N, C-alpha and C. Protein backbone atom coordinates (compact mmCIF):
# COMPACT_ATOMS: atom_id res chain seq x y z
N MET A 1 -10.17 7.30 1.04
CA MET A 1 -9.21 6.55 0.24
C MET A 1 -7.79 7.00 0.54
N LYS A 2 -7.58 8.32 0.65
CA LYS A 2 -6.24 8.85 0.90
C LYS A 2 -5.72 8.40 2.25
N LYS A 3 -6.56 8.42 3.27
CA LYS A 3 -6.14 8.01 4.61
C LYS A 3 -5.74 6.54 4.65
N SER A 4 -6.51 5.69 3.96
CA SER A 4 -6.19 4.27 3.98
C SER A 4 -4.89 3.98 3.24
N LEU A 5 -4.61 4.72 2.16
CA LEU A 5 -3.36 4.55 1.43
C LEU A 5 -2.18 4.97 2.29
N VAL A 6 -2.31 6.09 2.99
CA VAL A 6 -1.24 6.54 3.89
C VAL A 6 -1.02 5.51 4.99
N LYS A 7 -2.09 4.96 5.52
CA LYS A 7 -1.97 3.96 6.58
C LYS A 7 -1.25 2.70 6.07
N ILE A 8 -1.52 2.30 4.84
CA ILE A 8 -0.87 1.12 4.27
C ILE A 8 0.61 1.37 4.03
N LEU A 9 0.94 2.55 3.51
CA LEU A 9 2.32 2.86 3.14
C LEU A 9 3.16 3.39 4.29
N ASP A 10 2.54 3.70 5.42
CA ASP A 10 3.26 4.23 6.58
C ASP A 10 4.02 3.10 7.28
N ALA A 11 5.28 2.94 6.93
CA ALA A 11 6.08 1.81 7.42
C ALA A 11 6.44 1.94 8.89
N ASN A 12 6.64 3.16 9.38
CA ASN A 12 7.06 3.32 10.78
C ASN A 12 5.92 3.73 11.70
N ASP A 13 4.69 3.70 11.21
CA ASP A 13 3.47 3.96 12.00
C ASP A 13 3.51 5.29 12.76
N ASP A 14 4.03 6.34 12.11
CA ASP A 14 4.02 7.65 12.75
C ASP A 14 2.86 8.52 12.29
N GLY A 15 2.01 7.99 11.42
CA GLY A 15 0.84 8.72 10.95
C GLY A 15 1.11 9.59 9.74
N GLU A 16 2.34 9.65 9.29
CA GLU A 16 2.70 10.46 8.14
C GLU A 16 3.41 9.61 7.10
N LEU A 17 3.17 9.95 5.85
CA LEU A 17 3.88 9.30 4.75
C LEU A 17 5.00 10.23 4.34
N ASN A 18 6.24 9.84 4.62
CA ASN A 18 7.37 10.70 4.30
C ASN A 18 8.45 9.89 3.58
N ILE A 19 9.57 10.52 3.32
CA ILE A 19 10.63 9.88 2.54
C ILE A 19 11.19 8.65 3.25
N GLU A 20 11.20 8.64 4.56
CA GLU A 20 11.69 7.47 5.30
C GLU A 20 10.82 6.24 5.03
N ASP A 21 9.52 6.44 4.98
CA ASP A 21 8.60 5.34 4.68
C ASP A 21 8.82 4.82 3.27
N VAL A 22 8.91 5.72 2.31
CA VAL A 22 9.10 5.33 0.91
C VAL A 22 10.44 4.63 0.74
N ARG A 23 11.49 5.17 1.36
CA ARG A 23 12.81 4.55 1.26
C ARG A 23 12.78 3.14 1.84
N PHE A 24 12.14 2.96 2.98
CA PHE A 24 12.04 1.64 3.59
C PHE A 24 11.33 0.65 2.67
N LEU A 25 10.23 1.08 2.08
CA LEU A 25 9.46 0.20 1.20
C LEU A 25 10.22 -0.14 -0.07
N LEU A 26 10.94 0.81 -0.64
CA LEU A 26 11.68 0.56 -1.88
C LEU A 26 12.93 -0.27 -1.64
N VAL A 27 13.70 0.07 -0.62
CA VAL A 27 14.95 -0.65 -0.35
C VAL A 27 14.65 -2.07 0.09
N ARG A 28 13.62 -2.25 0.84
CA ARG A 28 13.27 -3.57 1.34
C ARG A 28 13.01 -4.56 0.20
N HIS A 29 12.37 -4.11 -0.84
CA HIS A 29 12.00 -5.00 -1.93
C HIS A 29 12.73 -4.68 -3.24
N GLU A 30 13.79 -3.91 -3.14
CA GLU A 30 14.50 -3.51 -4.35
C GLU A 30 15.04 -4.72 -5.12
N TRP A 31 15.67 -5.66 -4.42
CA TRP A 31 16.26 -6.81 -5.11
C TRP A 31 15.17 -7.68 -5.72
N LEU A 32 14.01 -7.75 -5.08
CA LEU A 32 12.91 -8.54 -5.61
C LEU A 32 12.36 -7.89 -6.88
N PHE A 33 12.31 -6.57 -6.91
CA PHE A 33 11.88 -5.86 -8.10
C PHE A 33 12.82 -6.13 -9.27
N VAL A 34 14.11 -6.07 -9.01
CA VAL A 34 15.10 -6.31 -10.07
C VAL A 34 14.98 -7.76 -10.57
N ALA A 35 14.85 -8.71 -9.66
CA ALA A 35 14.72 -10.12 -10.06
C ALA A 35 13.44 -10.32 -10.89
N GLY A 36 12.35 -9.70 -10.47
CA GLY A 36 11.10 -9.81 -11.22
C GLY A 36 11.20 -9.18 -12.60
N LEU A 37 11.92 -8.08 -12.68
CA LEU A 37 12.12 -7.43 -13.97
C LEU A 37 12.94 -8.31 -14.91
N ILE A 38 13.99 -8.93 -14.39
CA ILE A 38 14.81 -9.83 -15.20
C ILE A 38 14.01 -11.03 -15.69
N ILE A 39 13.21 -11.61 -14.79
CA ILE A 39 12.38 -12.75 -15.18
C ILE A 39 11.35 -12.33 -16.22
N SER A 40 10.75 -11.16 -16.05
CA SER A 40 9.76 -10.68 -17.02
C SER A 40 10.37 -10.44 -18.39
N VAL A 41 11.52 -9.79 -18.43
CA VAL A 41 12.18 -9.52 -19.71
C VAL A 41 12.59 -10.84 -20.36
N GLY A 42 13.10 -11.78 -19.56
CA GLY A 42 13.48 -13.07 -20.11
C GLY A 42 12.32 -13.84 -20.68
N SER A 43 11.19 -13.83 -19.97
CA SER A 43 10.03 -14.56 -20.49
C SER A 43 9.43 -13.88 -21.72
N LEU A 44 9.46 -12.53 -21.75
CA LEU A 44 8.98 -11.82 -22.94
C LEU A 44 9.88 -12.11 -24.14
N ALA A 45 11.18 -12.13 -23.91
CA ALA A 45 12.12 -12.47 -24.99
C ALA A 45 11.88 -13.89 -25.48
N ASN A 46 11.51 -14.77 -24.58
CA ASN A 46 11.20 -16.15 -24.95
C ASN A 46 9.94 -16.22 -25.81
N VAL A 47 8.91 -15.48 -25.41
CA VAL A 47 7.65 -15.47 -26.16
C VAL A 47 7.85 -14.89 -27.55
N LEU A 48 8.68 -13.85 -27.65
CA LEU A 48 8.91 -13.22 -28.95
C LEU A 48 9.90 -13.98 -29.82
N GLY A 49 10.49 -15.03 -29.28
CA GLY A 49 11.36 -15.88 -30.07
C GLY A 49 12.83 -15.49 -30.07
N TYR A 50 13.20 -14.52 -29.24
CA TYR A 50 14.61 -14.11 -29.17
C TYR A 50 15.45 -15.11 -28.39
N THR A 51 14.84 -15.81 -27.45
CA THR A 51 15.54 -16.81 -26.65
C THR A 51 14.74 -18.11 -26.64
N ASP A 52 15.33 -19.13 -26.07
CA ASP A 52 14.65 -20.42 -25.93
C ASP A 52 14.81 -20.89 -24.48
N ILE A 53 14.17 -20.14 -23.56
CA ILE A 53 14.26 -20.45 -22.13
C ILE A 53 13.25 -21.55 -21.80
N ASP A 54 13.71 -22.58 -21.13
CA ASP A 54 12.85 -23.67 -20.71
C ASP A 54 11.88 -23.17 -19.63
N SER A 55 10.61 -23.56 -19.70
CA SER A 55 9.63 -23.10 -18.73
C SER A 55 9.95 -23.58 -17.32
N ASP A 56 10.58 -24.75 -17.20
CA ASP A 56 10.98 -25.23 -15.88
C ASP A 56 12.02 -24.31 -15.24
N LEU A 57 12.91 -23.78 -16.05
CA LEU A 57 13.90 -22.83 -15.55
C LEU A 57 13.22 -21.55 -15.08
N PHE A 58 12.23 -21.11 -15.83
CA PHE A 58 11.48 -19.90 -15.44
C PHE A 58 10.84 -20.10 -14.07
N TRP A 59 10.12 -21.21 -13.89
CA TRP A 59 9.43 -21.43 -12.62
C TRP A 59 10.40 -21.71 -11.48
N THR A 60 11.56 -22.26 -11.79
CA THR A 60 12.59 -22.43 -10.77
C THR A 60 13.06 -21.06 -10.27
N CYS A 61 13.31 -20.14 -11.19
CA CYS A 61 13.73 -18.79 -10.81
C CYS A 61 12.64 -18.07 -10.03
N ALA A 62 11.39 -18.21 -10.45
CA ALA A 62 10.28 -17.56 -9.75
C ALA A 62 10.14 -18.14 -8.34
N GLY A 63 10.24 -19.44 -8.20
CA GLY A 63 10.14 -20.07 -6.88
C GLY A 63 11.30 -19.69 -5.98
N LEU A 64 12.49 -19.60 -6.54
CA LEU A 64 13.65 -19.19 -5.76
C LEU A 64 13.48 -17.75 -5.27
N GLY A 65 12.97 -16.89 -6.13
CA GLY A 65 12.72 -15.51 -5.72
C GLY A 65 11.71 -15.42 -4.60
N MET A 66 10.67 -16.24 -4.67
CA MET A 66 9.66 -16.25 -3.62
C MET A 66 10.23 -16.78 -2.31
N ALA A 67 11.04 -17.82 -2.37
CA ALA A 67 11.65 -18.38 -1.16
C ALA A 67 12.62 -17.37 -0.54
N LEU A 68 13.40 -16.68 -1.37
CA LEU A 68 14.32 -15.68 -0.84
C LEU A 68 13.58 -14.50 -0.21
N GLU A 69 12.45 -14.12 -0.78
CA GLU A 69 11.64 -13.06 -0.19
C GLU A 69 11.13 -13.50 1.18
N TYR A 70 10.71 -14.73 1.31
CA TYR A 70 10.24 -15.25 2.60
C TYR A 70 11.36 -15.20 3.64
N ILE A 71 12.53 -15.68 3.26
CA ILE A 71 13.68 -15.69 4.19
C ILE A 71 14.05 -14.27 4.59
N ASP A 72 14.05 -13.34 3.63
CA ASP A 72 14.39 -11.95 3.92
C ASP A 72 13.36 -11.33 4.85
N ASP A 73 12.09 -11.62 4.64
CA ASP A 73 11.03 -11.08 5.49
C ASP A 73 11.15 -11.61 6.92
N ILE A 74 11.41 -12.90 7.08
CA ILE A 74 11.58 -13.47 8.42
C ILE A 74 12.79 -12.86 9.11
N ARG A 75 13.89 -12.69 8.37
CA ARG A 75 15.11 -12.11 8.95
C ARG A 75 14.85 -10.69 9.43
N ARG A 76 14.14 -9.92 8.65
CA ARG A 76 13.84 -8.52 9.03
C ARG A 76 12.91 -8.47 10.23
N ARG A 77 11.96 -9.36 10.31
CA ARG A 77 11.04 -9.36 11.46
C ARG A 77 11.77 -9.72 12.75
N ARG A 78 12.75 -10.60 12.67
CA ARG A 78 13.50 -10.98 13.86
C ARG A 78 14.40 -9.85 14.35
N LYS A 79 14.84 -8.98 13.45
CA LYS A 79 15.67 -7.83 13.83
C LYS A 79 14.89 -6.82 14.63
N GLN A 80 13.58 -6.72 14.38
CA GLN A 80 12.76 -5.70 15.05
C GLN A 80 12.56 -6.09 16.45
């Protein structure tokens, strides 16, 4: 189990899980994490009655986040 986890998280394929791998994984998806957190807090506030967010707006934001992640992933792959 440990070997497979290291293999999955080893971003630079050097056989070791180190700070460079973790930094690459966190920085790469940092903006997506923040966007997901904002959407989650907004939807929870909506469920609890603190806000009145339209569900179409929620799914628009989720779809936009997914499309931006795709574009970012393609851009990074072309740089390599």
